[in-house]
Each structure stands twice: as C-alpha cells, then as structure tokens.
Amino acid sequence: MSRLVRFALEDFLDDFEHRSGLINLATSDSEPWRFEEVRTQLGDWTTVLPTTLAYPDLKAELNPALERAFQVPEGWTLPTNGAEESIAMVMHYVAARSTKMVGLPTPAYGAFHGWVKLLNLPFKTYSYLPEQGWQPELNELCDLARQCDTLVVINPHNPVGHHFCAADLRTLADILARHDGLLIVDEVFATHRGGTSPVQYTHRNALIIGSLSKMYGLPGLRLGWVLGDRRHLKQLRTVQHYLTLSPSLFAASIGPLVLDRLEAFTREKMVAENRETLVKWAGDQSNLLSVSPPNGGTTVLMEVKDSRGEQQVFDLLFAADVLLSPGRFFELPTHPARFRLGYGQRPDILMSGLGRIAKTLSTS
C-alpha cells in the first residue's frame, strides 16, 4: 500500500459545511428528512427494534427488502454501511483480482481515485469533455473497456450530472465480460425508477453501488448496498468481514421499512424541479457563467466566464455566505474557475444561493 492519500474534498467539507449562516450549495445531498416526517411515513418505527443489541440478522429482513426494491435475484444483494463502505469493499475486491488496469472517470468524486492510489492499482482515465457538453466519448469508453480489467462509471455523474442509458451500460458490461472484467456502476445519485433502476442492466459482470443518502434524504441512516452476482458478493462479504462486519442494528431494523416505501422517501420530484430552476437561472446568467447540462443527479459544474481564478471567486462567494465545492477537488485546473454546485436543497434555499451567486459575480 502506498502513502495515505488525503481526501481533499471531504477535508474541505469537514472544515466548512457545518458553519452557521452559510447557504451550503457545496453538498451533493438532497434535503434530509426530519424525524417527524419519517414518523409520518413509518409510524412508530421503534416497534421494529429488537429486544437485544446483538448482531443483526440481515438475511431475515434487510436482504429480502433490497431484493424486493430492486427486483434482483435472491442472493444478489449485499447491505453496507453507506456508499463509502461499498466503494472501499469493491476496490479491495478489484485489487484482490490481480487487476492490471482500472478505468476511471475525470472529473470525479475522489473516492475511486483515492482507492486506486492507496492500493497501488494501475489506472487510466476517460474524460467528461466540456466541448461535448460534459459527456464522455462512448467509443473511447468502449475502447477503454477492452483494455481494462475494471471500468468505473458514476451514473448519474458527480459532479457534471450526465446520465448513461441502460443500453450503453449493458454494452460496456458485455465488452468487459469477454475477458471477465468488471463494470462498477456507482448509482448513489439514482432513484429506483424513471429509467435509472439497476434491474435494467443487472449483469453477471456488473456491480451496482447505491445508498439511501443522496436521492432519498437519509444520509444519517448509513445504509448502502452492492447489487451483483453471488460469485462477486461472496468475495465482497469476505472483504466486509475485515471492515465493519455488517450495517448497524438500527439501519438493519429501519432499512426494510424504508426500502418498502421508497416512493415516499425519494426526493426525485423536488430535485427535478430544482434542476429546471437551475438550468433556467444559468441561461439568464449566461454572460457570467455556464453549467454542465444535467440530466440526473443533484450536482452540476459551474464555470465562471472571466479571468478570475478559483480561489478568488471562492473567497468572493464565501464572503457572500455561499459555499461551493472548488473544482480542484475533482482534479480540475483552477483556471477557468469551476465549482460543483449542489441543488438538492429546499427550493427557497437554492434560490437564495443562486441569487447571491449572480449578484456577487456581477458586482465584484
């Protein structure tokens, strides 16, 4: 293992996002549900809590609930402590397979890049290109799939918001399957319907990562999953034994209730309406900035159309009490100034933040 790789984005969020008075558009979360709202949907959920603090029996309730929610075969689900543990488990499994090459997206959230460096895995990148509307070139991606043992796709993408269709993902999985390669699809920004359900391209050589943290507004529950063929999940379960053994008793107890009511918890409608608001706002501010065209997820890349660098723009916006995530944390250059902008907040918070951004950039 190489030296410890600093997770710069998470360090930044630790330092800034919990400060009072800030409009936080740096986060990729959707608006979290309040306890009283959860109680409205679940009733008295305390009645499902066990009478002892023993290890949870995941096979009794949680695994079947995942199978029902995502319509996958029995044995094709592995609950985890959120998407971060899922990513860690999958990348350790990739390393154990004597992987010769991993294909990774750029720009991207840093977890996958950090793990390949920590585990000394060779990797190549494919780019989401601004000149192509922040989309990757599919032919290039197919060529990379032929070269790699593992290909990672974030779908919808964080931070640019591009979403691959199921047919393209199946094409990539089929290419990888010819040499027993793995397609890893990080779907933490997807919902279980509307064309983004993992069941549409579940494949013997695909592993699908998901969680209740982003589009379902339940980050504190720390419940994630990996969907995939039993032969992979058996190995991933071994990796999990070295990490956390299992999700918490609370997550294992409450999780099935939520999974059986996903429609009640999805933030999809609010996020979609916010997306329309954001795109219209960006169009109205086209002399000042542009955003990556989003067709999924909760984030976009915002680019400032002047000569000011990233830190100067960040300081101006921070002085206006607006927090955005600098593009350098996604391996982007600091000129032009680019930022991840999250739009999963309540509409009034989003509109207030967007108004301050436009005013600051036009008057400073």
Protein backbone atom coordinates (compact mmCIF):
# COMPACT_ATOMS: atom_id res chain seq x y z
CA MET A 1 0.00 0.00 0.00
CA SER A 2 1.26 3.49 -0.84
CA ARG A 3 1.20 6.55 1.40
CA LEU A 4 -2.14 7.67 2.74
CA VAL A 5 -3.90 9.82 0.15
CA ARG A 6 -5.63 12.87 1.55
CA PHE A 7 -9.34 13.05 0.68
CA ALA A 8 -9.25 16.77 -0.05
CA LEU A 9 -12.95 17.26 -0.76
CA GLU A 10 -14.08 15.61 2.48
CA ASP A 11 -11.48 17.59 4.45
CA PHE A 12 -12.85 20.76 2.85
CA LEU A 13 -16.43 19.84 3.72
CA ASP A 14 -15.41 18.99 7.29
CA ASP A 15 -13.91 22.47 7.61
CA PHE A 16 -16.70 24.48 6.01
CA GLU A 17 -20.10 22.87 5.52
CA HIS A 18 -21.27 22.89 9.14
CA ARG A 19 -20.56 26.58 9.71
CA SER A 20 -23.67 28.53 10.62
CA GLY A 21 -25.03 31.23 8.34
CA LEU A 22 -23.81 29.68 5.10
CA ILE A 23 -26.01 28.69 2.18
CA ASN A 24 -24.47 25.31 1.51
CA LEU A 25 -24.53 24.54 -2.21
CA ALA A 26 -21.29 22.58 -1.89
CA THR A 27 -23.05 19.42 -0.77
CA SER A 28 -24.34 16.72 -3.10
CA ASP A 29 -27.03 15.65 -0.62
CA SER A 30 -30.72 16.20 -1.10
CA GLU A 31 -32.72 17.77 1.70
CA PRO A 32 -32.67 15.37 4.69
CA TRP A 33 -35.98 14.17 6.10
CA ARG A 34 -36.87 15.32 9.62
CA PHE A 35 -37.77 12.82 12.31
CA GLU A 36 -41.41 13.90 12.40
CA GLU A 37 -41.63 13.40 8.62
CA VAL A 38 -40.10 9.94 8.91
CA ARG A 39 -42.57 9.10 11.66
CA THR A 40 -45.44 10.16 9.38
CA GLN A 41 -44.32 7.64 6.75
CA LEU A 42 -43.26 4.76 9.02
CA GLY A 43 -45.49 5.16 12.04
CA ASP A 44 -43.96 4.09 15.33
CA TRP A 45 -40.80 2.56 13.91
CA THR A 46 -39.49 1.80 17.38
CA THR A 47 -41.73 -1.29 17.38
CA VAL A 48 -39.41 -2.98 14.85
CA LEU A 49 -36.32 -2.56 17.02
CA PRO A 50 -35.10 -5.84 18.51
CA THR A 51 -35.06 -6.51 22.22
CA THR A 52 -31.29 -7.04 22.38
CA LEU A 53 -28.21 -5.33 20.95
CA ALA A 54 -26.97 -8.47 19.23
CA TYR A 55 -25.63 -8.51 15.68
CA PRO A 56 -28.48 -8.02 13.17
CA ASP A 57 -29.75 -10.91 11.06
CA LEU A 58 -29.50 -9.30 7.62
CA LYS A 59 -30.94 -12.32 5.82
CA ALA A 60 -34.18 -12.12 7.77
CA GLU A 61 -35.41 -8.67 6.67
CA LEU A 62 -32.85 -6.38 5.03
CA ASN A 63 -31.66 -8.57 2.16
CA PRO A 64 -35.23 -9.54 1.14
CA ALA A 65 -36.24 -5.86 1.27
CA LEU A 66 -33.39 -4.97 -1.12
CA GLU A 67 -34.42 -7.80 -3.45
CA ARG A 68 -38.00 -6.51 -3.50
CA ALA A 69 -36.98 -2.89 -4.00
CA PHE A 70 -34.64 -3.57 -6.93
CA GLN A 71 -36.16 -6.76 -8.34
CA VAL A 72 -32.91 -8.69 -8.33
CA PRO A 73 -32.50 -12.45 -7.78
CA GLU A 74 -32.12 -13.91 -4.32
CA GLY A 75 -28.54 -13.63 -3.16
CA TRP A 76 -27.73 -10.63 -5.39
CA THR A 77 -27.78 -8.04 -2.58
CA LEU A 78 -25.17 -7.05 -0.01
CA PRO A 79 -26.11 -4.32 2.54
CA THR A 80 -23.31 -1.95 3.57
CA ASN A 81 -22.61 0.99 5.84
CA GLY A 82 -23.30 3.54 3.14
CA ALA A 83 -21.78 4.02 -0.29
CA GLU A 84 -18.33 4.81 1.07
CA GLU A 85 -18.03 1.31 2.52
CA SER A 86 -19.40 -0.12 -0.72
CA ILE A 87 -16.68 1.66 -2.69
CA ALA A 88 -13.97 0.53 -0.28
CA MET A 89 -15.15 -3.09 -0.45
CA VAL A 90 -15.40 -3.11 -4.22
CA MET A 91 -11.96 -1.58 -4.72
CA HIS A 92 -10.35 -4.07 -2.32
CA TYR A 93 -12.04 -6.84 -4.28
CA VAL A 94 -10.69 -5.35 -7.51
CA ALA A 95 -7.19 -5.37 -6.02
CA ALA A 96 -7.58 -9.00 -4.92
CA ARG A 97 -8.41 -9.99 -8.51
CA SER A 98 -4.84 -9.10 -9.58
CA THR A 99 -6.19 -6.27 -11.65
CA LYS A 100 -3.86 -4.97 -14.35
CA MET A 101 -5.78 -1.79 -15.21
CA VAL A 102 -8.73 0.22 -13.85
CA GLY A 103 -10.63 2.77 -15.95
CA LEU A 104 -11.77 5.85 -14.02
CA PRO A 105 -13.74 8.97 -14.95
CA THR A 106 -12.43 12.50 -14.68
CA PRO A 107 -13.52 14.88 -13.27
CA ALA A 108 -14.92 12.79 -10.46
CA TYR A 109 -15.59 12.46 -6.76
CA GLY A 110 -12.33 11.40 -5.21
CA ALA A 111 -13.14 8.06 -3.57
CA PHE A 112 -12.35 5.82 -6.54
CA HIS A 113 -9.20 7.75 -7.47
CA GLY A 114 -8.07 7.66 -3.86
CA TRP A 115 -8.53 3.92 -3.56
CA VAL A 116 -6.60 3.05 -6.73
CA LYS A 117 -3.71 5.13 -5.38
CA LEU A 118 -3.91 3.65 -1.89
CA LEU A 119 -3.98 0.12 -3.33
CA ASN A 120 -1.29 0.82 -5.96
CA LEU A 121 -3.59 -0.14 -8.81
CA PRO A 122 -2.66 1.00 -12.32
CA PHE A 123 -5.34 3.12 -13.92
CA LYS A 124 -6.32 5.08 -16.99
CA THR A 125 -8.86 7.86 -17.14
CA TYR A 126 -11.62 8.81 -19.52
CA SER A 127 -12.86 12.37 -19.68
CA TYR A 128 -16.17 14.15 -19.41
CA LEU A 129 -15.47 16.79 -22.04
CA PRO A 130 -16.71 20.40 -21.82
CA GLU A 131 -16.61 20.72 -25.61
CA GLN A 132 -19.08 17.82 -25.82
CA GLY A 133 -21.49 19.17 -23.22
CA TRP A 134 -19.63 17.46 -20.39
CA GLN A 135 -20.22 13.98 -21.79
CA PRO A 136 -17.62 11.27 -22.39
CA GLU A 137 -16.98 9.86 -25.84
CA LEU A 138 -18.72 6.47 -25.89
CA ASN A 139 -16.37 4.94 -28.48
CA GLU A 140 -13.39 5.92 -26.34
CA LEU A 141 -15.10 4.37 -23.34
CA CYS A 142 -15.71 1.11 -25.22
CA ASP A 143 -12.03 1.01 -26.23
CA LEU A 144 -11.06 1.53 -22.60
CA ALA A 145 -13.37 -1.31 -21.56
CA ARG A 146 -11.41 -3.62 -23.90
CA GLN A 147 -8.14 -2.60 -22.22
CA CYS A 148 -9.21 -2.65 -18.58
CA ASP A 149 -9.99 -5.36 -16.06
CA THR A 150 -12.34 -2.95 -14.26
CA LEU A 151 -14.25 0.09 -15.52
CA VAL A 152 -15.91 2.56 -13.14
CA VAL A 153 -18.96 4.59 -14.20
CA ILE A 154 -20.68 7.11 -11.92
CA ASN A 155 -24.28 7.29 -13.07
CA PRO A 156 -25.64 9.93 -12.81
CA HIS A 157 -22.23 11.53 -12.70
CA ASN A 158 -20.95 13.56 -9.77
CA PRO A 159 -20.32 16.42 -10.39
CA VAL A 160 -21.44 17.06 -14.01
CA GLY A 161 -24.86 15.36 -13.88
CA HIS A 162 -24.59 13.24 -17.06
CA HIS A 163 -26.61 10.02 -17.09
CA PHE A 164 -25.84 6.96 -19.23
CA CYS A 165 -28.75 4.99 -20.64
CA ALA A 166 -29.11 1.33 -19.68
CA ALA A 167 -28.27 0.13 -23.20
CA ASP A 168 -24.86 1.83 -23.16
CA LEU A 169 -24.04 0.35 -19.75
CA ARG A 170 -25.01 -3.11 -20.93
CA THR A 171 -22.74 -2.65 -23.96
CA LEU A 172 -19.83 -1.81 -21.67
CA ALA A 173 -20.61 -4.77 -19.39
CA ASP A 174 -20.75 -7.11 -22.40
CA ILE A 175 -17.34 -5.89 -23.61
CA LEU A 176 -15.81 -6.40 -20.17
CA ALA A 177 -17.40 -9.83 -19.81
CA ARG A 178 -15.39 -11.11 -22.78
CA HIS A 179 -12.27 -11.04 -20.60
CA ASP A 180 -14.05 -11.47 -17.23
CA GLY A 181 -13.72 -7.77 -16.49
CA LEU A 182 -15.92 -5.87 -14.04
CA LEU A 183 -18.20 -2.92 -14.67
CA ILE A 184 -18.70 -0.94 -11.45
CA VAL A 185 -21.68 1.42 -11.60
CA ASP A 186 -21.93 3.93 -8.77
CA GLU A 187 -25.65 4.79 -8.66
CA VAL A 188 -25.83 6.74 -5.41
CA PHE A 189 -27.46 9.62 -7.32
CA ALA A 190 -30.07 7.43 -9.00
CA THR A 191 -33.56 6.51 -7.96
CA HIS A 192 -35.13 3.09 -8.40
CA ARG A 193 -37.45 4.15 -11.22
CA GLY A 194 -37.60 6.62 -14.10
CA GLY A 195 -35.07 4.80 -16.29
CA THR A 196 -32.35 4.52 -13.65
CA SER A 197 -33.20 1.21 -12.00
CA PRO A 198 -30.27 -1.21 -11.70
CA VAL A 199 -32.57 -4.06 -12.72
CA GLN A 200 -32.45 -2.80 -16.30
CA TYR A 201 -28.84 -3.77 -16.74
CA THR A 202 -28.03 -6.18 -13.92
CA HIS A 203 -25.28 -8.27 -15.44
CA ARG A 204 -23.08 -11.11 -14.19
CA ASN A 205 -20.06 -8.86 -14.66
CA ALA A 206 -21.56 -5.69 -13.15
CA LEU A 207 -21.58 -4.43 -9.58
CA ILE A 208 -24.10 -1.70 -8.75
CA ILE A 209 -23.49 0.61 -5.78
CA GLY A 210 -26.35 2.52 -4.19
CA SER A 211 -27.45 4.11 -0.93
CA LEU A 212 -30.24 5.98 0.83
CA SER A 213 -28.04 9.03 1.41
CA LYS A 214 -28.44 11.20 -1.69
CA MET A 215 -31.74 10.89 -3.57
CA TYR A 216 -33.63 9.54 -0.56
CA GLY A 217 -32.63 12.16 2.02
CA LEU A 218 -31.47 9.70 4.71
CA PRO A 219 -27.66 10.14 4.97
CA GLY A 220 -27.61 9.58 8.72
CA LEU A 221 -29.08 6.10 8.36
CA ARG A 222 -25.79 5.00 6.72
CA LEU A 223 -27.43 2.29 4.65
CA GLY A 224 -25.97 1.36 1.30
CA TRP A 225 -25.73 -1.74 -0.85
CA VAL A 226 -23.95 -3.55 -3.63
CA LEU A 227 -26.05 -5.44 -6.17
CA GLY A 228 -24.45 -8.15 -8.26
CA ASP A 229 -23.90 -11.81 -8.97
CA ARG A 230 -23.44 -14.12 -5.97
CA ARG A 231 -19.92 -15.08 -7.01
CA HIS A 232 -18.81 -11.47 -6.59
CA LEU A 233 -20.86 -10.72 -3.48
CA LYS A 234 -19.46 -13.75 -1.67
CA GLN A 235 -15.97 -12.28 -2.07
CA LEU A 236 -17.17 -8.80 -1.15
CA ARG A 237 -18.73 -10.19 2.02
CA THR A 238 -15.30 -11.51 2.96
CA VAL A 239 -13.86 -8.02 2.50
CA GLN A 240 -16.66 -6.62 4.67
CA HIS A 241 -15.66 -9.01 7.45
CA TYR A 242 -12.40 -7.08 7.68
CA LEU A 243 -14.11 -3.68 7.75
CA THR A 244 -17.38 -3.41 9.69
CA LEU A 245 -18.88 -6.93 9.76
CA SER A 246 -22.37 -5.57 8.99
CA PRO A 247 -24.56 -2.47 8.94
CA SER A 248 -25.69 -1.21 12.32
CA LEU A 249 -28.61 -2.78 14.15
CA PHE A 250 -30.57 0.46 13.72
CA ALA A 251 -30.03 0.58 9.94
CA ALA A 252 -30.85 -3.12 9.61
CA SER A 253 -34.10 -2.62 11.54
CA ILE A 254 -35.34 0.61 9.94
CA GLY A 255 -33.93 -0.08 6.49
CA PRO A 256 -36.58 -2.63 5.40
CA LEU A 257 -39.38 -0.23 6.32
CA VAL A 258 -37.81 2.50 4.16
CA LEU A 259 -36.97 0.17 1.27
CA ASP A 260 -40.58 -0.98 1.11
CA ARG A 261 -41.65 2.68 0.88
CA LEU A 262 -39.03 4.17 -1.43
CA GLU A 263 -41.62 6.18 -3.34
CA ALA A 264 -42.45 8.01 -0.12
CA PHE A 265 -38.83 8.96 0.55
CA THR A 266 -37.48 9.82 -2.87
CA ARG A 267 -36.52 13.47 -3.35
CA GLU A 268 -36.76 12.97 -7.11
CA LYS A 269 -39.63 15.42 -7.72
CA MET A 270 -38.08 18.23 -5.70
CA VAL A 271 -34.65 17.67 -7.26
CA ALA A 272 -36.13 17.61 -10.78
CA GLU A 273 -37.94 20.90 -10.18
CA ASN A 274 -34.76 22.40 -8.73
CA ARG A 275 -32.89 21.20 -11.82
CA GLU A 276 -35.27 23.10 -14.07
CA THR A 277 -34.87 26.21 -11.90
CA LEU A 278 -31.10 25.93 -12.02
CA VAL A 279 -30.91 25.47 -15.79
CA LYS A 280 -33.18 28.47 -16.38
CA TRP A 281 -31.15 30.57 -13.94
CA ALA A 282 -27.90 29.62 -15.67
CA GLY A 283 -29.40 30.61 -19.01
CA ASP A 284 -30.36 34.00 -17.59
CA GLN A 285 -26.79 34.44 -16.29
CA SER A 286 -25.06 33.22 -19.45
CA ASN A 287 -22.89 36.35 -19.62
CA LEU A 288 -21.45 35.46 -16.22
CA LEU A 289 -21.33 31.66 -16.06
CA SER A 290 -22.31 28.31 -17.54
CA VAL A 291 -23.26 24.97 -16.03
CA SER A 292 -22.83 21.41 -17.25
CA PRO A 293 -26.14 20.17 -18.76
CA PRO A 294 -27.65 17.91 -16.07
CA ASN A 295 -29.96 15.00 -16.88
CA GLY A 296 -29.68 13.34 -13.49
CA GLY A 297 -28.19 13.55 -10.03
CA THR A 298 -28.04 16.54 -7.70
CA THR A 299 -24.97 18.45 -8.94
CA VAL A 300 -23.56 20.42 -11.85
CA LEU A 301 -20.22 22.00 -12.66
CA MET A 302 -20.48 25.78 -12.74
CA GLU A 303 -17.85 27.66 -14.77
CA VAL A 304 -17.23 31.39 -14.30
CA LYS A 305 -16.74 33.30 -17.55
CA ASP A 306 -13.98 35.75 -16.64
CA SER A 307 -10.29 35.76 -15.84
CA ARG A 308 -10.64 35.36 -12.08
CA GLY A 309 -9.16 32.21 -10.63
CA GLU A 310 -10.86 29.62 -8.49
CA GLN A 311 -9.67 30.88 -5.10
CA GLN A 312 -10.60 34.49 -5.85
CA VAL A 313 -14.13 33.50 -6.86
CA PHE A 314 -14.46 31.15 -3.90
CA ASP A 315 -13.45 33.94 -1.50
CA LEU A 316 -15.97 36.35 -3.01
CA LEU A 317 -18.82 33.83 -2.78
CA PHE A 318 -17.81 32.76 0.73
CA ALA A 319 -17.91 36.41 1.80
CA ALA A 320 -21.49 36.44 0.47
CA ASP A 321 -22.22 33.39 2.67
CA VAL A 322 -22.47 30.93 -0.23
CA LEU A 323 -20.44 27.72 -0.17
CA LEU A 324 -19.49 25.85 -3.36
CA SER A 325 -17.02 22.99 -3.80
CA PRO A 326 -13.91 24.11 -5.74
CA GLY A 327 -13.14 22.19 -8.91
CA ARG A 328 -9.60 21.33 -7.78
CA PHE A 329 -11.12 18.70 -5.51
CA PHE A 330 -12.32 16.93 -8.67
CA GLU A 331 -8.87 17.14 -10.32
CA LEU A 332 -9.82 20.16 -12.44
CA PRO A 333 -7.45 23.07 -13.15
CA THR A 334 -8.01 26.30 -11.21
CA HIS A 335 -8.42 28.34 -14.43
CA PRO A 336 -11.13 28.76 -15.53
CA ALA A 337 -12.80 28.86 -12.14
CA ARG A 338 -15.12 25.86 -11.83
CA PHE A 339 -17.18 24.67 -8.88
CA ARG A 340 -19.50 21.82 -8.01
CA LEU A 341 -22.92 23.29 -7.27
CA GLY A 342 -25.42 21.08 -5.46
CA TYR A 343 -29.13 21.72 -6.00
CA GLY A 344 -30.75 19.15 -3.72
CA GLN A 345 -31.68 21.70 -1.05
CA ARG A 346 -35.13 23.13 -0.41
CA PRO A 347 -36.15 25.39 -3.31
CA ASP A 348 -36.07 28.56 -1.18
CA ILE A 349 -32.51 27.84 -0.07
CA LEU A 350 -31.42 27.11 -3.63
CA MET A 351 -32.99 30.30 -5.00
CA SER A 352 -31.40 32.39 -2.28
CA GLY A 353 -27.98 30.91 -3.01
CA LEU A 354 -28.32 31.35 -6.77
CA GLY A 355 -29.36 34.95 -6.30
CA ARG A 356 -26.29 35.67 -4.19
CA ILE A 357 -24.01 34.00 -6.74
CA ALA A 358 -25.38 36.12 -9.59
CA LYS A 359 -25.20 39.33 -7.56
CA THR A 360 -21.65 38.62 -6.36
CA LEU A 361 -20.27 37.75 -9.79
CA SER A 362 -21.92 40.75 -11.46
CA THR A 363 -20.90 43.38 -8.90
CA SER A 364 -17.49 42.25 -7.66
